[in-house]
PDB file of N, CA and C in Angstrom:
ATOM      1  N   MET A   1       0.829  -1.184   0.000  1.00  0.00           N
ATOM      2  CA  MET A   1       0.000   0.000   0.000  1.00  0.00           C
ATOM      3  C   MET A   1       0.874   1.248   0.000  1.00  0.00           C
ATOM      4  N   LEU A   2       0.357   2.255  -0.653  1.00  0.00           N
ATOM      5  CA  LEU A   2       1.078   3.527  -0.719  1.00  0.00           C
ATOM      6  C   LEU A   2       0.715   4.403   0.477  1.00  0.00           C
ATOM      7  N   PRO A   3       1.634   5.257   0.911  1.00  0.00           N
ATOM      8  CA  PRO A   3       1.285   6.193   1.974  1.00  0.00           C
ATOM      9  C   PRO A   3       0.233   7.185   1.473  1.00  0.00           C
ATOM     10  N   ASP A   4      -0.432   7.839   2.409  1.00  0.00           N
ATOM     11  CA  ASP A   4      -1.572   8.711   2.095  1.00  0.00           C
ATOM     12  C   ASP A   4      -1.351   9.702   0.949  1.00  0.00           C
ATOM     13  N   PRO A   5      -0.361  10.547   0.934  1.00  0.00           N
ATOM     14  CA  PRO A   5      -0.300  11.526  -0.166  1.00  0.00           C
ATOM     15  C   PRO A   5      -0.090  10.867  -1.532  1.00  0.00           C
ATOM     16  N   TRP A   6       0.623   9.733  -1.575  1.00  0.00           N
ATOM     17  CA  TRP A   6       0.893   9.080  -2.856  1.00  0.00           C
ATOM     18  C   TRP A   6      -0.315   8.326  -3.402  1.00  0.00           C
ATOM     19  N   ARG A   7      -1.209   7.910  -2.544  1.00  0.00           N
ATOM     20  CA  ARG A   7      -2.438   7.256  -3.014  1.00  0.00           C
ATOM     21  C   ARG A   7      -3.241   8.199  -3.893  1.00  0.00           C
ATOM     22  N   PHE A   8      -3.386   9.442  -3.446  1.00  0.00           N
ATOM     23  CA  PHE A   8      -4.174  10.433  -4.195  1.00  0.00           C
ATOM     24  C   PHE A   8      -3.489  10.789  -5.514  1.00  0.00           C
ATOM     25  N   VAL A   9      -2.175  10.867  -5.477  1.00  0.00           N
ATOM     26  CA  VAL A   9      -1.421  11.144  -6.705  1.00  0.00           C
ATOM     27  C   VAL A   9      -1.612   9.991  -7.698  1.00  0.00           C
ATOM     28  N   ALA A  10      -1.524   8.756  -7.236  1.00  0.00           N
ATOM     29  CA  ALA A  10      -1.688   7.591  -8.106  1.00  0.00           C
ATOM     30  C   ALA A  10      -3.087   7.551  -8.709  1.00  0.00           C
ATOM     31  N   VAL A  11      -4.106   7.815  -7.899  1.00  0.00           N
ATOM     32  CA  VAL A  11      -5.487   7.829  -8.400  1.00  0.00           C
ATOM     33  C   VAL A  11      -5.649   8.931  -9.436  1.00  0.00           C
ATOM     34  N   GLY A  12      -5.080  10.083  -9.192  1.00  0.00           N
ATOM     35  CA  GLY A  12      -5.159  11.189 -10.149  1.00  0.00           C
ATOM     36  C   GLY A  12      -4.485  10.861 -11.469  1.00  0.00           C
ATOM     37  N   VAL A  13      -3.307  10.254 -11.420  1.00  0.00           N
ATOM     38  CA  VAL A  13      -2.583   9.872 -12.638  1.00  0.00           C
ATOM     39  C   VAL A  13      -3.378   8.840 -13.430  1.00  0.00           C
ATOM     40  N   VAL A  14      -3.910   7.848 -12.749  1.00  0.00           N
ATOM     41  CA  VAL A  14      -4.704   6.813 -13.424  1.00  0.00           C
ATOM     42  C   VAL A  14      -5.950   7.431 -14.059  1.00  0.00           C
ATOM     43  N   ALA A  15      -6.609   8.364 -13.375  1.00  0.00           N
ATOM     44  CA  ALA A  15      -7.797   9.023 -13.928  1.00  0.00           C
ATOM     45  C   ALA A  15      -7.449   9.805 -15.195  1.00  0.00           C
ATOM     46  N   VAL A  16      -6.337  10.512 -15.195  1.00  0.00           N
ATOM     47  CA  VAL A  16      -5.910  11.273 -16.371  1.00  0.00           C
ATOM     48  C   VAL A  16      -5.613  10.326 -17.535  1.00  0.00           C
ATOM     49  N   ILE A  17      -4.963   9.202 -17.245  1.00  0.00           N
ATOM     50  CA  ILE A  17      -4.670   8.222 -18.292  1.00  0.00           C
ATOM     51  C   ILE A  17      -5.960   7.674 -18.884  1.00  0.00           C
ATOM     52  N   GLU A  18      -6.936   7.351 -18.065  1.00  0.00           N
ATOM     53  CA  GLU A  18      -8.214   6.814 -18.551  1.00  0.00           C
ATOM     54  C   GLU A  18      -8.950   7.821 -19.420  1.00  0.00           C
ATOM     55  N   VAL A  19      -8.998   9.074 -19.022  1.00  0.00           N
ATOM     56  CA  VAL A  19      -9.666  10.114 -19.815  1.00  0.00           C
ATOM     57  C   VAL A  19      -8.947  10.283 -21.152  1.00  0.00           C
ATOM     58  N   ALA A  20      -7.623  10.280 -21.141  1.00  0.00           N
ATOM     59  CA  ALA A  20      -6.858  10.402 -22.381  1.00  0.00           C
ATOM     60  C   ALA A  20      -7.123   9.213 -23.304  1.00  0.00           C
ATOM     61  N   GLU A  21      -7.254   8.025 -22.731  1.00  0.00           N
ATOM     62  CA  GLU A  21      -7.533   6.835 -23.525  1.00  0.00           C
ATOM     63  C   GLU A  21      -8.904   6.929 -24.197  1.00  0.00           C
ATOM     64  N   VAL A  22      -9.899   7.425 -23.494  1.00  0.00           N
ATOM     65  CA  VAL A  22     -11.237   7.591 -24.073  1.00  0.00           C
ATOM     66  C   VAL A  22     -11.177   8.552 -25.258  1.00  0.00           C
ATOM     67  N   PHE A  23     -10.511   9.688 -25.106  1.00  0.00           N
ATOM     68  CA  PHE A  23     -10.400  10.650 -26.199  1.00  0.00           C
ATOM     69  C   PHE A  23      -9.629  10.060 -27.381  1.00  0.00           C
ATOM     70  N   PHE A  24      -8.593   9.281 -27.107  1.00  0.00           N
ATOM     71  CA  PHE A  24      -7.844   8.626 -28.177  1.00  0.00           C
ATOM     72  C   PHE A  24      -8.745   7.707 -28.992  1.00  0.00           C
ATOM     73  N   TRP A  25      -9.527   6.849 -28.316  1.00  0.00           N
ATOM     74  CA  TRP A  25     -10.390   5.911 -29.030  1.00  0.00           C
ATOM     75  C   TRP A  25     -11.487   6.622 -29.799  1.00  0.00           C
ATOM     76  N   ILE A  26     -12.038   7.686 -29.241  1.00  0.00           N
ATOM     77  CA  ILE A  26     -13.060   8.449 -29.971  1.00  0.00           C
ATOM     78  C   ILE A  26     -12.476   8.996 -31.264  1.00  0.00           C
ATOM     79  N   LYS A  27     -11.307   9.601 -31.184  1.00  0.00           N
ATOM     80  CA  LYS A  27     -10.660  10.156 -32.371  1.00  0.00           C
ATOM     81  C   LYS A  27     -10.283   9.055 -33.362  1.00  0.00           C
ATOM     82  N   PHE A  28      -9.767   7.953 -32.882  1.00  0.00           N
ATOM     83  CA  PHE A  28      -9.343   6.845 -33.738  1.00  0.00           C
ATOM     84  C   PHE A  28     -10.524   6.225 -34.480  1.00  0.00           C
ATOM     85  N   LEU A  29     -11.637   5.992 -33.802  1.00  0.00           N
ATOM     86  CA  LEU A  29     -12.771   5.298 -34.408  1.00  0.00           C
ATOM     87  C   LEU A  29     -13.579   6.181 -35.351  1.00  0.00           C
ATOM     88  N   ARG A  30     -13.434   7.487 -35.287  1.00  0.00           N
ATOM     89  CA  ARG A  30     -14.132   8.369 -36.225  1.00  0.00           C
ATOM     90  C   ARG A  30     -13.581   8.256 -37.637  1.00  0.00           C
ATOM     91  N   ARG A  31     -12.421   7.674 -37.808  1.00  0.00           N
ATOM     92  CA  ARG A  31     -11.825   7.521 -39.136  1.00  0.00           C
ATOM     93  C   ARG A  31     -12.584   6.530 -39.996  1.00  0.00           C
ATOM     94  N   TYR A  32     -13.236   5.560 -39.374  1.00  0.00           N
ATOM     95  CA  TYR A  32     -13.836   4.471 -40.108  1.00  0.00           C
ATOM     96  C   TYR A  32     -15.269   4.765 -40.501  1.00  0.00           C
ATOM     97  N   ARG A  33     -15.572   4.476 -41.779  1.00  0.00           N
ATOM     98  CA  ARG A  33     -16.899   4.672 -42.318  1.00  0.00           C
ATOM     99  C   ARG A  33     -17.819   3.548 -41.842  1.00  0.00           C
ATOM    100  N   ILE A  34     -19.068   3.873 -41.630  1.00  0.00           N
ATOM    101  CA  ILE A  34     -20.053   2.865 -41.239  1.00  0.00           C
ATOM    102  C   ILE A  34     -20.261   1.923 -42.419  1.00  0.00           C
ATOM    103  N   THR A  35     -20.206   0.634 -42.179  1.00  0.00           N
ATOM    104  CA  THR A  35     -20.336  -0.318 -43.275  1.00  0.00           C
ATOM    105  C   THR A  35     -21.526  -1.247 -43.125  1.00  0.00           C
ATOM    106  N   THR A  36     -22.354  -1.059 -42.109  1.00  0.00           N
ATOM    107  CA  THR A  36     -23.512  -1.916 -41.931  1.00  0.00           C
ATOM    108  C   THR A  36     -24.760  -1.066 -41.791  1.00  0.00           C
ATOM    109  N   GLY A  37     -25.896  -1.700 -41.952  1.00  0.00           N
ATOM    110  CA  GLY A  37     -27.159  -1.010 -41.769  1.00  0.00           C
ATOM    111  C   GLY A  37     -27.471  -0.047 -42.901  1.00  0.00           C
ATOM    112  N   VAL A  38     -28.490   0.760 -42.689  1.00  0.00           N
ATOM    113  CA  VAL A  38     -28.964   1.710 -43.692  1.00  0.00           C
ATOM    114  C   VAL A  38     -27.876   2.706 -44.064  1.00  0.00           C
ATOM    115  N   GLU A  39     -27.144   3.215 -43.083  1.00  0.00           N
ATOM    116  CA  GLU A  39     -26.119   4.217 -43.350  1.00  0.00           C
ATOM    117  C   GLU A  39     -25.031   3.674 -44.266  1.00  0.00           C
ATOM    118  N   GLY A  40     -24.731   2.393 -44.150  1.00  0.00           N
ATOM    119  CA  GLY A  40     -23.698   1.776 -44.970  1.00  0.00           C
ATOM    120  C   GLY A  40     -24.136   1.513 -46.398  1.00  0.00           C
ATOM    121  N   MET A  41     -25.430   1.515 -46.668  1.00  0.00           N
ATOM    122  CA  MET A  41     -25.925   1.243 -48.016  1.00  0.00           C
ATOM    123  C   MET A  41     -25.919   2.490 -48.893  1.00  0.00           C
ATOM    124  N   VAL A  42     -26.061   3.647 -48.290  1.00  0.00           N
ATOM    125  CA  VAL A  42     -26.099   4.886 -49.064  1.00  0.00           C
ATOM    126  C   VAL A  42     -24.746   5.087 -49.740  1.00  0.00           C
ATOM    127  N   GLY A  43     -24.790   5.320 -51.049  1.00  0.00           N
ATOM    128  CA  GLY A  43     -23.570   5.498 -51.820  1.00  0.00           C
ATOM    129  C   GLY A  43     -23.105   4.229 -52.522  1.00  0.00           C
ATOM    130  N   GLU A  44     -23.650   3.082 -52.160  1.00  0.00           N
ATOM    131  CA  GLU A  44     -23.264   1.809 -52.789  1.00  0.00           C
ATOM    132  C   GLU A  44     -23.837   1.726 -54.203  1.00  0.00           C
ATOM    133  N   ARG A  45     -23.151   0.950 -55.036  1.00  0.00           N
ATOM    134  CA  ARG A  45     -23.621   0.717 -56.398  1.00  0.00           C
ATOM    135  C   ARG A  45     -24.287  -0.632 -56.503  1.00  0.00           C
ATOM    136  N   GLY A  46     -25.366  -0.679 -57.280  1.00  0.00           N
ATOM    137  CA  GLY A  46     -26.065  -1.926 -57.525  1.00  0.00           C
ATOM    138  C   GLY A  46     -26.411  -2.039 -58.993  1.00  0.00           C
ATOM    139  N   GLN A  47     -27.074  -3.128 -59.359  1.00  0.00           N
ATOM    140  CA  GLN A  47     -27.449  -3.360 -60.745  1.00  0.00           C
ATOM    141  C   GLN A  47     -28.953  -3.579 -60.825  1.00  0.00           C
ATOM    142  N   VAL A  48     -29.590  -2.941 -61.796  1.00  0.00           N
ATOM    143  CA  VAL A  48     -31.031  -3.050 -61.984  1.00  0.00           C
ATOM    144  C   VAL A  48     -31.348  -4.429 -62.558  1.00  0.00           C
ATOM    145  N   LEU A  49     -32.288  -5.130 -61.908  1.00  0.00           N
ATOM    146  CA  LEU A  49     -32.744  -6.430 -62.402  1.00  0.00           C
ATOM    147  C   LEU A  49     -34.039  -6.279 -63.188  1.00  0.00           C
ATOM    148  N   GLU A  50     -34.956  -5.477 -62.652  1.00  0.00           N
ATOM    149  CA  GLU A  50     -36.215  -5.157 -63.332  1.00  0.00           C
ATOM    150  C   GLU A  50     -36.272  -3.650 -63.500  1.00  0.00           C
ATOM    151  N   ARG A  51     -36.616  -3.191 -64.671  1.00  0.00           N
ATOM    152  CA  ARG A  51     -36.637  -1.769 -65.005  1.00  0.00           C
ATOM    153  C   ARG A  51     -37.269  -0.941 -63.876  1.00  0.00           C
ATOM    154  N   CYS A  52     -36.596   0.129 -63.502  1.00  0.00           N
ATOM    155  CA  CYS A  52     -37.085   1.062 -62.483  1.00  0.00           C
ATOM    156  C   CYS A  52     -37.725   2.251 -63.191  1.00  0.00           C
ATOM    157  N   ASP A  53     -39.057   2.298 -63.201  1.00  0.00           N
ATOM    158  CA  ASP A  53     -39.750   3.405 -63.869  1.00  0.00           C
ATOM    159  C   ASP A  53     -41.092   3.653 -63.222  1.00  0.00           C
ATOM    160  N   PRO A  54     -41.256   4.159 -62.074  1.00  0.00           N
ATOM    161  CA  PRO A  54     -40.274   4.493 -61.058  1.00  0.00           C
ATOM    162  C   PRO A  54     -39.935   3.332 -60.133  1.00  0.00           C
ATOM    163  N   LEU A  55     -40.749   2.236 -60.144  1.00  0.00           N
ATOM    164  CA  LEU A  55     -40.463   1.108 -59.247  1.00  0.00           C
ATOM    165  C   LEU A  55     -39.848  -0.050 -60.008  1.00  0.00           C
ATOM    166  N   GLY A  56     -38.989  -0.792 -59.347  1.00  0.00           N
ATOM    167  CA  GLY A  56     -38.360  -1.951 -59.961  1.00  0.00           C
ATOM    168  C   GLY A  56     -37.609  -2.745 -58.911  1.00  0.00           C
ATOM    169  N   ARG A  57     -36.648  -3.566 -59.355  1.00  0.00           N
ATOM    170  CA  ARG A  57     -35.840  -4.373 -58.439  1.00  0.00           C
ATOM    171  C   ARG A  57     -34.362  -4.186 -58.774  1.00  0.00           C
ATOM    172  N   VAL A  58     -33.553  -4.189 -57.697  1.00  0.00           N
ATOM    173  CA  VAL A  58     -32.122  -3.939 -57.817  1.00  0.00           C
ATOM    174  C   VAL A  58     -31.358  -5.004 -57.042  1.00  0.00           C
ATOM    175  N   MET A  59     -30.216  -5.435 -57.591  1.00  0.00           N
ATOM    176  CA  MET A  59     -29.317  -6.359 -56.894  1.00  0.00           C
ATOM    177  C   MET A  59     -28.231  -5.506 -56.230  1.00  0.00           C
ATOM    178  N   LEU A  60     -28.108  -5.638 -54.904  1.00  0.00           N
ATOM    179  CA  LEU A  60     -27.113  -4.886 -54.148  1.00  0.00           C
ATOM    180  C   LEU A  60     -26.495  -5.819 -53.123  1.00  0.00           C
ATOM    181  N   ARG A  61     -25.172  -5.964 -53.148  1.00  0.00           N
ATOM    182  CA  ARG A  61     -24.444  -6.840 -52.223  1.00  0.00           C
ATOM    183  C   ARG A  61     -24.973  -8.271 -52.259  1.00  0.00           C
ATOM    184  N   GLY A  62     -25.403  -8.729 -53.433  1.00  0.00           N
ATOM    185  CA  GLY A  62     -25.898 -10.091 -53.570  1.00  0.00           C
ATOM    186  C   GLY A  62     -27.330 -10.283 -53.102  1.00  0.00           C
ATOM    187  N   GLU A  63     -28.027  -9.201 -52.766  1.00  0.00           N
ATOM    188  CA  GLU A  63     -29.413  -9.276 -52.308  1.00  0.00           C
ATOM    189  C   GLU A  63     -30.306  -8.524 -53.280  1.00  0.00           C
ATOM    190  N   ILE A  64     -31.545  -8.983 -53.427  1.00  0.00           N
ATOM    191  CA  ILE A  64     -32.498  -8.328 -54.305  1.00  0.00           C
ATOM    192  C   ILE A  64     -33.381  -7.410 -53.461  1.00  0.00           C
ATOM    193  N   TRP A  65     -33.446  -6.133 -53.871  1.00  0.00           N
ATOM    194  CA  TRP A  65     -34.211  -5.113 -53.149  1.00  0.00           C
ATOM    195  C   TRP A  65     -35.239  -4.474 -54.074  1.00  0.00           C
ATOM    196  N   LYS A  66     -36.370  -4.036 -53.496  1.00  0.00           N
ATOM    197  CA  LYS A  66     -37.286  -3.171 -54.224  1.00  0.00           C
ATOM    198  C   LYS A  66     -36.589  -1.827 -54.352  1.00  0.00           C
ATOM    199  N   ALA A  67     -36.794  -1.159 -55.477  1.00  0.00           N
ATOM    200  CA  ALA A  67     -36.122   0.121 -55.688  1.00  0.00           C
ATOM    201  C   ALA A  67     -37.083   1.118 -56.308  1.00  0.00           C
ATOM    202  N   ARG A  68     -36.806   2.390 -56.039  1.00  0.00           N
ATOM    203  CA  ARG A  68     -37.571   3.504 -56.616  1.00  0.00           C
ATOM    204  C   ARG A  68     -36.565   4.487 -57.199  1.00  0.00           C
ATOM    205  N   SER A  69     -36.840   4.945 -58.419  1.00  0.00           N
ATOM    206  CA  SER A  69     -35.936   5.871 -59.087  1.00  0.00           C
ATOM    207  C   SER A  69     -36.728   7.010 -59.701  1.00  0.00           C
ATOM    208  N   SER A  70     -36.208   8.228 -59.583  1.00  0.00           N
ATOM    209  CA  SER A  70     -36.880   9.381 -60.198  1.00  0.00           C
ATOM    210  C   SER A  70     -36.645   9.404 -61.705  1.00  0.00           C
ATOM    211  N   GLU A  71     -35.540   8.794 -62.160  1.00  0.00           N
ATOM    212  CA  GLU A  71     -35.249   8.684 -63.587  1.00  0.00           C
ATOM    213  C   GLU A  71     -35.361   7.220 -63.984  1.00  0.00           C
ATOM    214  N   PRO A  72     -35.904   6.930 -65.161  1.00  0.00           N
ATOM    215  CA  PRO A  72     -35.987   5.530 -65.588  1.00  0.00           C
ATOM    216  C   PRO A  72     -34.601   4.894 -65.690  1.00  0.00           C
ATOM    217  N   ALA A  73     -34.502   3.634 -65.268  1.00  0.00           N
ATOM    218  CA  ALA A  73     -33.244   2.883 -65.357  1.00  0.00           C
ATOM    219  C   ALA A  73     -33.565   1.497 -65.903  1.00  0.00           C
ATOM    220  N   ALA A  74     -32.963   1.162 -67.034  1.00  0.00           N
ATOM    221  CA  ALA A  74     -33.208  -0.117 -67.699  1.00  0.00           C
ATOM    222  C   ALA A  74     -32.506  -1.253 -66.962  1.00  0.00           C
ATOM    223  N   ALA A  75     -32.977  -2.472 -67.212  1.00  0.00           N
ATOM    224  CA  ALA A  75     -32.359  -3.659 -66.620  1.00  0.00           C
ATOM    225  C   ALA A  75     -30.897  -3.746 -67.061  1.00  0.00           C
ATOM    226  N   GLY A  76     -30.018  -4.086 -66.132  1.00  0.00           N
ATOM    227  CA  GLY A  76     -28.600  -4.182 -66.415  1.00  0.00           C
ATOM    228  C   GLY A  76     -27.835  -2.893 -66.147  1.00  0.00           C
ATOM    229  N   ARG A  77     -28.533  -1.812 -65.905  1.00  0.00           N
ATOM    230  CA  ARG A  77     -27.903  -0.507 -65.681  1.00  0.00           C
ATOM    231  C   ARG A  77     -27.383  -0.416 -64.246  1.00  0.00           C
ATOM    232  N   ALA A  78     -26.259   0.237 -64.066  1.00  0.00           N
ATOM    233  CA  ALA A  78     -25.705   0.455 -62.723  1.00  0.00           C
ATOM    234  C   ALA A  78     -26.411   1.647 -62.094  1.00  0.00           C
ATOM    235  N   VAL A  79     -26.738   1.523 -60.830  1.00  0.00           N
ATOM    236  CA  VAL A  79     -27.391   2.611 -60.093  1.00  0.00           C
ATOM    237  C   VAL A  79     -26.661   2.820 -58.776  1.00  0.00           C
ATOM    238  N   ARG A  80     -26.859   3.987 -58.205  1.00  0.00           N
ATOM    239  CA  ARG A  80     -26.262   4.330 -56.910  1.00  0.00           C
ATOM    240  C   ARG A  80     -27.395   4.596 -55.923  1.00  0.00           C
ATOM    241  N   VAL A  81     -27.265   4.049 -54.708  1.00  0.00           N
ATOM    242  CA  VAL A  81     -28.271   4.238 -53.659  1.00  0.00           C
ATOM    243  C   VAL A  81     -28.089   5.629 -53.071  1.00  0.00           C
ATOM    244  N   ILE A  82     -29.174   6.420 -53.040  1.00  0.00           N
ATOM    245  CA  ILE A  82     -29.108   7.757 -52.448  1.00  0.00           C
ATOM    246  C   ILE A  82     -29.855   7.841 -51.126  1.00  0.00           C
ATOM    247  N   ALA A  83     -30.754   6.866 -50.881  1.00  0.00           N
ATOM    248  CA  ALA A  83     -31.489   6.835 -49.612  1.00  0.00           C
ATOM    249  C   ALA A  83     -32.140   5.465 -49.469  1.00  0.00           C
ATOM    250  N   VAL A  84     -32.623   5.194 -48.260  1.00  0.00           N
ATOM    251  CA  VAL A  84     -33.360   3.966 -47.996  1.00  0.00           C
ATOM    252  C   VAL A  84     -34.660   4.360 -47.315  1.00  0.00           C
ATOM    253  N   ASP A  85     -35.782   3.910 -47.896  1.00  0.00           N
ATOM    254  CA  ASP A  85     -37.110   4.221 -47.367  1.00  0.00           C
ATOM    255  C   ASP A  85     -37.767   2.906 -46.961  1.00  0.00           C
ATOM    256  N   GLY A  86     -37.640   2.553 -45.690  1.00  0.00           N
ATOM    257  CA  GLY A  86     -38.152   1.269 -45.225  1.00  0.00           C
ATOM    258  C   GLY A  86     -37.364   0.145 -45.858  1.00  0.00           C
ATOM    259  N   LEU A  87     -38.054  -0.710 -46.667  1.00  0.00           N
ATOM    260  CA  LEU A  87     -37.377  -1.798 -47.368  1.00  0.00           C
ATOM    261  C   LEU A  87     -37.222  -1.494 -48.853  1.00  0.00           C
ATOM    262  N   THR A  88     -37.336  -0.227 -49.214  1.00  0.00           N
ATOM    263  CA  THR A  88     -37.186   0.201 -50.604  1.00  0.00           C
ATOM    264  C   THR A  88     -35.977   1.105 -50.729  1.00  0.00           C
ATOM    265  N   LEU A  89     -35.113   0.811 -51.704  1.00  0.00           N
ATOM    266  CA  LEU A  89     -33.962   1.658 -51.964  1.00  0.00           C
ATOM    267  C   LEU A  89     -34.371   2.778 -52.906  1.00  0.00           C
ATOM    268  N   VAL A  90     -33.919   3.979 -52.609  1.00  0.00           N
ATOM    269  CA  VAL A  90     -34.108   5.105 -53.512  1.00  0.00           C
ATOM    270  C   VAL A  90     -32.801   5.221 -54.280  1.00  0.00           C
ATOM    271  N   VAL A  91     -32.882   5.043 -55.605  1.00  0.00           N
ATOM    272  CA  VAL A  91     -31.670   4.985 -56.424  1.00  0.00           C
ATOM    273  C   VAL A  91     -31.713   6.019 -57.534  1.00  0.00           C
ATOM    274  N   GLU A  92     -30.531   6.265 -58.095  1.00  0.00           N
ATOM    275  CA  GLU A  92     -30.418   7.100 -59.294  1.00  0.00           C
ATOM    276  C   GLU A  92     -29.409   6.417 -60.217  1.00  0.00           C
ATOM    277  N   PRO A  93     -29.586   6.573 -61.538  1.00  0.00           N
ATOM    278  CA  PRO A  93     -28.621   5.969 -62.459  1.00  0.00           C
ATOM    279  C   PRO A  93     -27.206   6.479 -62.160  1.00  0.00           C
ATOM    280  N   ASP A  94     -26.253   5.567 -62.190  1.00  0.00           N
ATOM    281  CA  ASP A  94     -24.855   5.912 -61.923  1.00  0.00           C
ATOM    282  C   ASP A  94     -24.228   6.398 -63.224  1.00  0.00           C
ATOM    283  N   ALA A  95     -23.865   7.684 -63.247  1.00  0.00           N
ATOM    284  CA  ALA A  95     -23.327   8.276 -64.474  1.00  0.00           C
ATOM    285  C   ALA A  95     -21.961   7.706 -64.826  1.00  0.00           C
ATOM    286  N   GLY A  96     -21.217   7.221 -63.835  1.00  0.00           N
ATOM    287  CA  GLY A  96     -19.861   6.733 -64.078  1.00  0.00           C
ATOM    288  C   GLY A  96     -19.780   5.334 -64.642  1.00  0.00           C
ATOM    289  N   ALA A  97     -20.892   4.602 -64.646  1.00  0.00           N
ATOM    290  CA  ALA A  97     -20.821   3.207 -65.089  1.00  0.00           C
ATOM    291  C   ALA A  97     -22.135   2.774 -65.664  1.00  0.00           C
ATOM    292  N   SER A  98     -22.081   1.779 -66.515  1.00  0.00           N
ATOM    293  CA  SER A  98     -23.290   1.122 -66.979  1.00  0.00           C
ATOM    294  C   SER A  98     -22.987  -0.359 -67.046  1.00  0.00           C
ATOM    295  N   GLY A  99     -23.886  -1.163 -66.555  1.00  0.00           N
ATOM    296  CA  GLY A  99     -23.671  -2.611 -66.566  1.00  0.00           C
ATOM    297  C   GLY A  99     -23.269  -3.112 -65.211  1.00  0.00           C
ATOM    298  N   GLU A 100     -22.300  -3.999 -65.160  1.00  0.00           N
ATOM    299  CA  GLU A 100     -21.892  -4.646 -63.917  1.00  0.00           C
ATOM    300  C   GLU A 100     -21.374  -3.643 -62.898  1.00  0.00           C
ATOM    301  N   PRO A 101     -21.776  -3.763 -61.602  1.00  0.00           N
ATOM    302  CA  PRO A 101     -21.233  -2.868 -60.551  1.00  0.00           C
ATOM    303  C   PRO A 101     -19.847  -3.269 -60.138  1.00  0.00           C
TER     304      PRO A 101
END
């Protein structure tokens, strides 16, 4: 056991280290993009299976989703997810690609 004045110093040092560790992890983990759930789907590219005019079906990450598009998108066209509304993806044609995602 430590004598009285050193106990308080040790507790104070440990508390400062713990607070610094929390701030380190917060800063470190903010670097990583969310990759799961609804937030992780926005921005992903998929492929139209059934024409979206305005409703259709899209393949995304190996799964088939209902999709809604403000612009018509033919089957086989690459689209980008801009939002998720319940179990329906809101997509727009991907200007950078056509065909396979």
